Amino acid sequence: MVEPEAKFHSELFVRLKDEIESNFPDYDEPKIEQDVEGRRADIYVPSKRTGEVIIEVKRDDVNPREREVVKQAYDYARDKDTEYFATCNSRDFFLFDTRQGYDLDEFDYYYFDLRSLSVEEFVDELLLVVNYLFHEDELPEQAEKEKVLGILQSFHSTIWEPYEALARDKYESSEPFRQKFENWARENDYEPDADKTFKIAAKQYAYLLTNKVLFYEFVRRKTPDEIPTESGFPLDSIHEHTTLEMMEEHLRDCFDSIVDEIDYEAVFDDEASLFEEFPQNKKTLTRIEDFLNNIVNADIGEIDEDLLGGIYEELIPEQERK
């Protein structure tokens, strides 16, 4: 059986090759598993006339916005003397322009939601965007809402599966967690120990965490001038002044502080719920750390509050909403 990553990798390469051959003569024939100083870049699209691109393809359970993934692709691009690079899985694709900064966090990017595009449609759009980038010396304008949504979706879709596995393990080993899980399931008309219930709970928890982080950062940037605080000081950074080992405590402190300083108890107070007890491990904490970094470096001040209210619909399938 062909792994989904290999299938998408192969299909993306074939469609790039066909589309370039048929409609984009300024590009040269793409290369698969291109050698870069002894390493292998997944896909390399060469062109001296319209800009070259290195594409790093990951499994669907790997977030293409994780720092190590972006760094890997950037290293390939730098060593290949290529100004553009991309990271992706079969759901999310991020095209980066290295000329817009000196650090990974400073690179401008363009987001493609592959859930809503066929591979053929996507490849055509990608080549047009790269062509625009080369000739206009900047990426095409993209609504900040779409770019931020890419960060949210890529995080949510790659962290809920680890949470599902952790919840199953804790359900078997912890009586208090089992009781809370079964109470939550009954209250929401789910079968307590059904496979789909663990999946739904994991997705819901991942959504709540995603929403809290975005909401906190959105409000933090407006404190204390636009949104006053009890102390008169701005809220603390959600990303700085912590370590992986202290991440859970740091997040709790941040969420407690926004309730104490401003309010928003309905968003942040879940002490009595199942989700306060959801387990973490090194993998999930590392992914949260990357997500926090991406959010604090995103231009979320430019988005409107509609995105904050619409995240649930974007991340949770209608049949799983309660």
Protein backbone atom coordinates (compact mmCIF):
# COMPACT_ATOMS: atom_id res chain seq x y z
CA MET A 1 0.00 0.00 0.00
CA VAL A 2 1.38 3.41 -1.02
CA GLU A 3 1.78 5.86 1.87
CA PRO A 4 -0.37 9.03 1.50
CA GLU A 5 2.75 11.23 1.60
CA ALA A 6 4.38 9.29 -1.24
CA LYS A 7 1.14 9.36 -3.23
CA PHE A 8 0.75 13.12 -2.86
CA HIS A 9 4.46 13.68 -3.50
CA SER A 10 4.26 11.69 -6.73
CA GLU A 11 1.01 13.28 -7.89
CA LEU A 12 2.28 16.79 -7.19
CA PHE A 13 5.47 16.12 -9.14
CA VAL A 14 3.62 14.61 -12.12
CA ARG A 15 1.14 17.51 -12.27
CA LEU A 16 3.95 20.06 -12.06
CA LYS A 17 5.79 18.30 -14.86
CA ASP A 18 2.69 18.09 -17.07
CA GLU A 19 1.57 21.67 -16.43
CA ILE A 20 5.04 23.11 -17.08
CA GLU A 21 5.37 21.08 -20.25
CA SER A 22 1.95 22.19 -21.53
CA ASN A 23 1.45 25.76 -20.31
CA PHE A 24 4.52 27.24 -18.59
CA PRO A 25 7.50 27.19 -20.97
CA ASP A 26 9.50 29.60 -18.79
CA TYR A 27 10.03 26.80 -16.26
CA ASP A 28 12.45 23.95 -16.84
CA GLU A 29 11.55 20.34 -16.16
CA PRO A 30 11.08 19.75 -12.41
CA LYS A 31 13.33 17.31 -10.58
CA ILE A 32 12.33 14.82 -7.90
CA GLU A 33 14.66 13.99 -4.98
CA GLN A 34 17.09 16.68 -6.14
CA ASP A 35 20.58 16.36 -4.67
CA VAL A 36 21.54 19.35 -2.52
CA GLU A 37 25.06 18.86 -1.18
CA GLY A 38 24.41 15.23 -0.30
CA ARG A 39 20.83 15.74 0.90
CA ARG A 40 17.60 15.22 -1.02
CA ALA A 41 15.11 18.00 -1.69
CA ASP A 42 11.71 16.47 -2.45
CA ILE A 43 10.89 18.58 -5.52
CA TYR A 44 12.98 21.18 -7.32
CA VAL A 45 11.44 23.42 -9.99
CA PRO A 46 14.30 25.10 -11.89
CA SER A 47 14.03 28.22 -14.03
CA LYS A 48 16.37 31.08 -14.77
CA ARG A 49 13.52 33.05 -16.32
CA THR A 50 10.81 33.02 -13.67
CA GLY A 51 12.27 31.95 -10.34
CA GLU A 52 13.21 28.56 -8.92
CA VAL A 53 11.40 26.75 -6.11
CA ILE A 54 12.37 24.03 -3.63
CA ILE A 55 9.36 22.10 -2.27
CA GLU A 56 9.53 20.01 0.91
CA VAL A 57 6.67 17.48 1.18
CA LYS A 58 5.70 16.05 4.57
CA ARG A 59 3.27 13.49 5.92
CA ASP A 60 -0.19 14.74 6.85
CA ASP A 61 0.60 14.36 10.55
CA VAL A 62 3.50 16.83 10.25
CA ASN A 63 2.74 20.55 10.35
CA PRO A 64 4.47 22.25 7.39
CA ARG A 65 4.76 25.41 9.52
CA GLU A 66 6.86 23.70 12.20
CA ARG A 67 10.14 25.54 12.57
CA GLU A 68 12.31 22.50 11.83
CA VAL A 69 10.38 21.79 8.63
CA VAL A 70 10.67 25.38 7.44
CA LYS A 71 14.37 25.45 8.36
CA GLN A 72 15.02 22.23 6.45
CA ALA A 73 13.43 23.61 3.28
CA TYR A 74 15.17 26.96 3.70
CA ASP A 75 18.55 25.25 4.09
CA TYR A 76 17.96 23.41 0.81
CA ALA A 77 16.96 26.66 -0.90
CA ARG A 78 19.96 28.55 0.48
CA ASP A 79 22.42 25.86 -0.54
CA LYS A 80 20.80 25.64 -3.98
CA ASP A 81 20.88 29.45 -4.27
CA THR A 82 17.09 29.49 -4.68
CA GLU A 83 15.11 32.49 -3.44
CA TYR A 84 11.76 30.72 -3.04
CA PHE A 85 10.89 27.58 -1.15
CA ALA A 86 7.76 25.81 0.03
CA THR A 87 6.68 23.41 2.76
CA CYS A 88 3.54 21.32 2.52
CA ASN A 89 1.54 18.21 3.20
CA SER A 90 -1.51 17.14 1.20
CA ARG A 91 -3.73 19.67 3.05
CA ASP A 92 -1.66 22.84 3.52
CA PHE A 93 0.95 24.50 1.31
CA PHE A 94 3.11 27.51 2.26
CA LEU A 95 5.26 29.33 -0.31
CA PHE A 96 8.02 31.49 1.23
CA ASP A 97 10.01 34.40 -0.18
CA THR A 98 13.46 34.49 1.46
CA ARG A 99 14.20 38.02 0.26
CA GLN A 100 11.80 39.59 2.76
CA GLY A 101 13.95 39.09 5.86
CA TYR A 102 16.98 37.52 7.49
CA ASP A 103 15.22 35.09 9.81
CA LEU A 104 12.69 32.30 9.28
CA ASP A 105 10.06 34.29 11.17
CA GLU A 106 10.49 37.28 8.85
CA PHE A 107 9.93 35.54 5.52
CA ASP A 108 6.72 36.54 3.80
CA TYR A 109 4.54 33.66 2.67
CA TYR A 110 1.53 32.77 0.55
CA TYR A 111 -0.91 30.10 1.74
CA PHE A 112 -2.80 27.53 -0.33
CA ASP A 113 -5.60 25.51 1.29
CA LEU A 114 -5.36 22.23 -0.62
CA ARG A 115 -8.60 20.94 0.91
CA SER A 116 -10.53 23.15 -1.49
CA LEU A 117 -8.39 22.63 -4.61
CA SER A 118 -7.65 19.72 -6.90
CA VAL A 119 -3.95 19.10 -7.49
CA GLU A 120 -4.38 20.33 -11.07
CA GLU A 121 -6.00 23.59 -9.93
CA PHE A 122 -3.40 24.10 -7.23
CA VAL A 123 -0.38 23.54 -9.50
CA ASP A 124 -1.70 26.08 -11.98
CA GLU A 125 -2.20 28.65 -9.19
CA LEU A 126 1.21 27.93 -7.67
CA LEU A 127 3.09 28.49 -10.92
CA LEU A 128 1.17 31.71 -11.55
CA VAL A 129 2.01 32.97 -8.04
CA VAL A 130 5.72 32.14 -8.45
CA ASN A 131 5.71 33.87 -11.83
CA TYR A 132 4.07 36.95 -10.27
CA LEU A 133 6.57 36.90 -7.40
CA PHE A 134 9.51 36.83 -9.78
CA HIS A 135 8.29 39.61 -12.08
CA GLU A 136 6.66 41.90 -9.48
CA ASP A 137 9.31 41.33 -6.79
CA GLU A 138 6.63 40.58 -4.19
CA LEU A 139 4.00 37.97 -3.46
CA PRO A 140 0.46 38.61 -4.71
CA GLU A 141 -1.74 40.33 -2.16
CA GLN A 142 -3.53 37.84 0.08
CA ALA A 143 -6.02 38.66 2.82
CA GLU A 144 -4.38 38.39 6.23
CA LYS A 145 -7.34 36.30 7.33
CA GLU A 146 -6.40 33.61 4.80
CA LYS A 147 -2.75 33.60 5.87
CA VAL A 148 -3.62 33.33 9.56
CA LEU A 149 -6.19 30.64 8.81
CA GLY A 150 -3.39 28.62 7.22
CA ILE A 151 -1.45 28.72 10.50
CA LEU A 152 -4.55 27.69 12.46
CA GLN A 153 -5.60 24.88 10.13
CA SER A 154 -2.15 23.38 9.76
CA PHE A 155 -1.72 23.32 13.55
CA HIS A 156 -5.15 21.94 14.35
CA SER A 157 -5.06 19.20 11.70
CA THR A 158 -1.69 17.87 12.89
CA ILE A 159 -2.15 17.98 16.66
CA TRP A 160 -5.55 16.40 17.23
CA GLU A 161 -4.36 12.88 16.33
CA PRO A 162 -1.66 12.86 19.05
CA TYR A 163 -4.31 14.13 21.47
CA GLU A 164 -6.62 11.29 20.43
CA ALA A 165 -3.94 8.70 21.23
CA LEU A 166 -3.09 10.37 24.55
CA ALA A 167 -6.76 10.53 25.54
CA ARG A 168 -7.21 6.82 24.84
CA ASP A 169 -4.22 5.98 27.02
CA LYS A 170 -5.36 8.22 29.87
CA TYR A 171 -8.90 6.83 29.63
CA GLU A 172 -7.47 3.38 30.36
CA SER A 173 -5.09 4.48 33.13
CA SER A 174 -6.88 7.29 35.00
CA GLU A 175 -10.22 6.78 36.73
CA PRO A 176 -10.89 10.55 37.23
CA PHE A 177 -10.21 11.20 33.53
CA ARG A 178 -12.41 8.26 32.54
CA GLN A 179 -15.28 9.61 34.61
CA LYS A 180 -14.93 13.11 33.17
CA PHE A 181 -14.69 11.69 29.65
CA GLU A 182 -17.82 9.58 30.08
CA ASN A 183 -19.74 12.48 31.62
CA TRP A 184 -18.73 14.74 28.72
CA ALA A 185 -19.74 12.08 26.19
CA ARG A 186 -23.17 11.55 27.78
CA GLU A 187 -23.82 15.30 28.03
CA ASN A 188 -23.11 15.62 24.30
CA ASP A 189 -24.93 12.43 23.22
CA TYR A 190 -21.79 10.48 22.27
CA GLU A 191 -20.98 6.85 23.00
CA PRO A 192 -18.43 7.06 25.88
CA ASP A 193 -15.91 4.51 24.60
CA ALA A 194 -16.57 4.61 20.85
CA ASP A 195 -13.61 5.27 18.54
CA LYS A 196 -15.25 8.33 17.02
CA THR A 197 -15.79 9.86 20.48
CA PHE A 198 -12.06 9.99 21.20
CA LYS A 199 -11.53 11.58 17.79
CA ILE A 200 -14.24 14.19 18.36
CA ALA A 201 -12.94 15.01 21.85
CA ALA A 202 -9.40 15.42 20.53
CA LYS A 203 -10.56 17.73 17.74
CA GLN A 204 -12.65 19.76 20.17
CA TYR A 205 -9.74 20.14 22.60
CA ALA A 206 -7.36 21.12 19.79
CA TYR A 207 -9.91 23.68 18.63
CA LEU A 208 -10.32 25.16 22.12
CA LEU A 209 -6.56 25.49 22.52
CA THR A 210 -6.21 27.06 19.06
CA ASN A 211 -8.99 29.53 19.81
CA LYS A 212 -7.60 30.49 23.24
CA VAL A 213 -4.12 31.17 21.86
CA LEU A 214 -5.40 33.29 18.97
CA PHE A 215 -7.88 35.17 21.16
CA TYR A 216 -5.25 35.84 23.84
CA GLU A 217 -2.74 37.20 21.34
CA PHE A 218 -5.41 39.26 19.56
CA VAL A 219 -6.40 40.91 22.87
CA ARG A 220 -2.82 41.18 24.20
CA ARG A 221 -1.79 43.39 21.29
CA LYS A 222 -4.55 45.83 22.16
CA THR A 223 -3.65 46.11 25.87
CA PRO A 224 -3.60 48.41 27.69
CA ASP A 225 -4.35 51.26 25.24
CA GLU A 226 -7.37 49.92 23.34
CA ILE A 227 -8.38 47.28 25.89
CA PRO A 228 -7.66 48.44 29.48
CA THR A 229 -6.34 46.02 32.09
CA GLU A 230 -6.83 46.08 35.87
CA SER A 231 -3.10 46.62 36.44
CA GLY A 232 -2.69 49.14 33.65
CA PHE A 233 0.02 46.99 32.07
CA PRO A 234 -0.11 44.96 28.85
CA LEU A 235 -0.70 41.22 29.05
CA ASP A 236 2.42 39.05 29.05
CA SER A 237 3.72 37.44 25.88
CA ILE A 238 2.27 33.99 25.34
CA HIS A 239 5.48 32.77 23.69
CA GLU A 240 8.38 34.33 25.60
CA HIS A 241 9.72 33.58 29.09
CA THR A 242 8.93 29.88 29.13
CA THR A 243 10.40 26.46 28.38
CA LEU A 244 8.97 23.25 27.03
CA GLU A 245 8.86 21.81 30.54
CA MET A 246 6.94 24.84 31.84
CA MET A 247 4.67 25.26 28.81
CA GLU A 248 1.46 23.94 30.39
CA GLU A 249 1.87 26.09 33.50
CA HIS A 250 2.77 29.12 31.40
CA LEU A 251 -0.37 28.77 29.28
CA ARG A 252 -2.54 28.38 32.38
CA ASP A 253 -0.96 31.52 33.86
CA CYS A 254 -1.61 33.48 30.65
CA PHE A 255 -5.22 32.35 30.44
CA ASP A 256 -5.80 33.06 34.14
CA SER A 257 -4.27 36.51 33.78
CA ILE A 258 -6.55 37.60 30.93
CA VAL A 259 -9.58 36.61 33.04
CA ASP A 260 -8.21 38.51 36.07
CA GLU A 261 -7.04 41.55 34.12
CA ILE A 262 -9.98 41.95 31.72
CA ASP A 263 -12.59 39.13 31.86
CA TYR A 264 -13.39 36.76 28.95
CA GLU A 265 -14.15 34.03 31.49
CA ALA A 266 -16.45 32.31 28.99
CA VAL A 267 -13.50 31.79 26.64
CA PHE A 268 -10.80 30.76 29.11
CA ASP A 269 -12.40 29.12 32.15
CA ASP A 270 -12.75 25.34 31.73
CA GLU A 271 -11.51 24.20 35.13
CA ALA A 272 -14.44 21.85 35.68
CA SER A 273 -14.44 20.38 32.17
CA LEU A 274 -12.85 17.35 30.57
CA PHE A 275 -10.52 19.59 28.58
CA GLU A 276 -8.69 20.88 31.65
CA GLU A 277 -7.50 17.28 32.14
CA PHE A 278 -6.38 16.57 28.59
CA PRO A 279 -2.88 15.03 28.55
CA GLN A 280 0.24 16.43 26.86
CA ASN A 281 3.58 14.93 25.91
CA LYS A 282 6.82 16.24 24.42
CA LYS A 283 5.47 15.97 20.86
CA THR A 284 2.34 18.02 21.55
CA LEU A 285 4.22 20.61 23.63
CA THR A 286 6.80 21.06 20.87
CA ARG A 287 4.03 21.60 18.35
CA ILE A 288 2.35 24.09 20.65
CA GLU A 289 5.65 25.96 20.99
CA ASP A 290 5.94 26.23 17.20
CA PHE A 291 2.32 27.34 16.96
CA LEU A 292 2.82 30.07 19.57
CA ASN A 293 5.84 31.34 17.66
CA ASN A 294 3.86 31.42 14.40
CA ILE A 295 0.95 33.26 16.01
CA VAL A 296 3.05 35.94 17.72
CA ASN A 297 4.81 36.60 14.41
CA ALA A 298 1.60 36.72 12.37
CA ASP A 299 -0.04 40.01 11.47
CA ILE A 300 -3.24 39.17 13.35
CA GLY A 301 -3.83 42.79 14.30
CA GLU A 302 -4.98 43.37 10.74
CA ILE A 303 -7.74 40.75 10.80
CA ASP A 304 -11.25 41.47 11.97
CA GLU A 305 -13.15 39.78 14.76
CA ASP A 306 -15.13 37.71 12.25
CA LEU A 307 -12.21 35.28 12.08
CA LEU A 308 -12.25 34.83 15.84
CA GLY A 309 -15.91 33.91 15.69
CA GLY A 310 -15.56 31.74 12.61
CA ILE A 311 -12.70 29.46 13.63
CA TYR A 312 -15.07 26.80 14.93
CA GLU A 313 -16.75 26.45 11.54
CA GLU A 314 -13.39 26.35 9.77
CA LEU A 315 -11.79 23.70 11.99
CA ILE A 316 -14.63 21.44 13.15
CA PRO A 317 -16.84 19.51 10.67
CA GLU A 318 -20.52 20.41 11.02
CA GLN A 319 -21.52 16.90 12.13
CA GLU A 320 -19.04 17.07 15.06
CA ARG A 321 -20.14 20.45 16.43
CA LYS A 322 -22.06 20.77 19.69
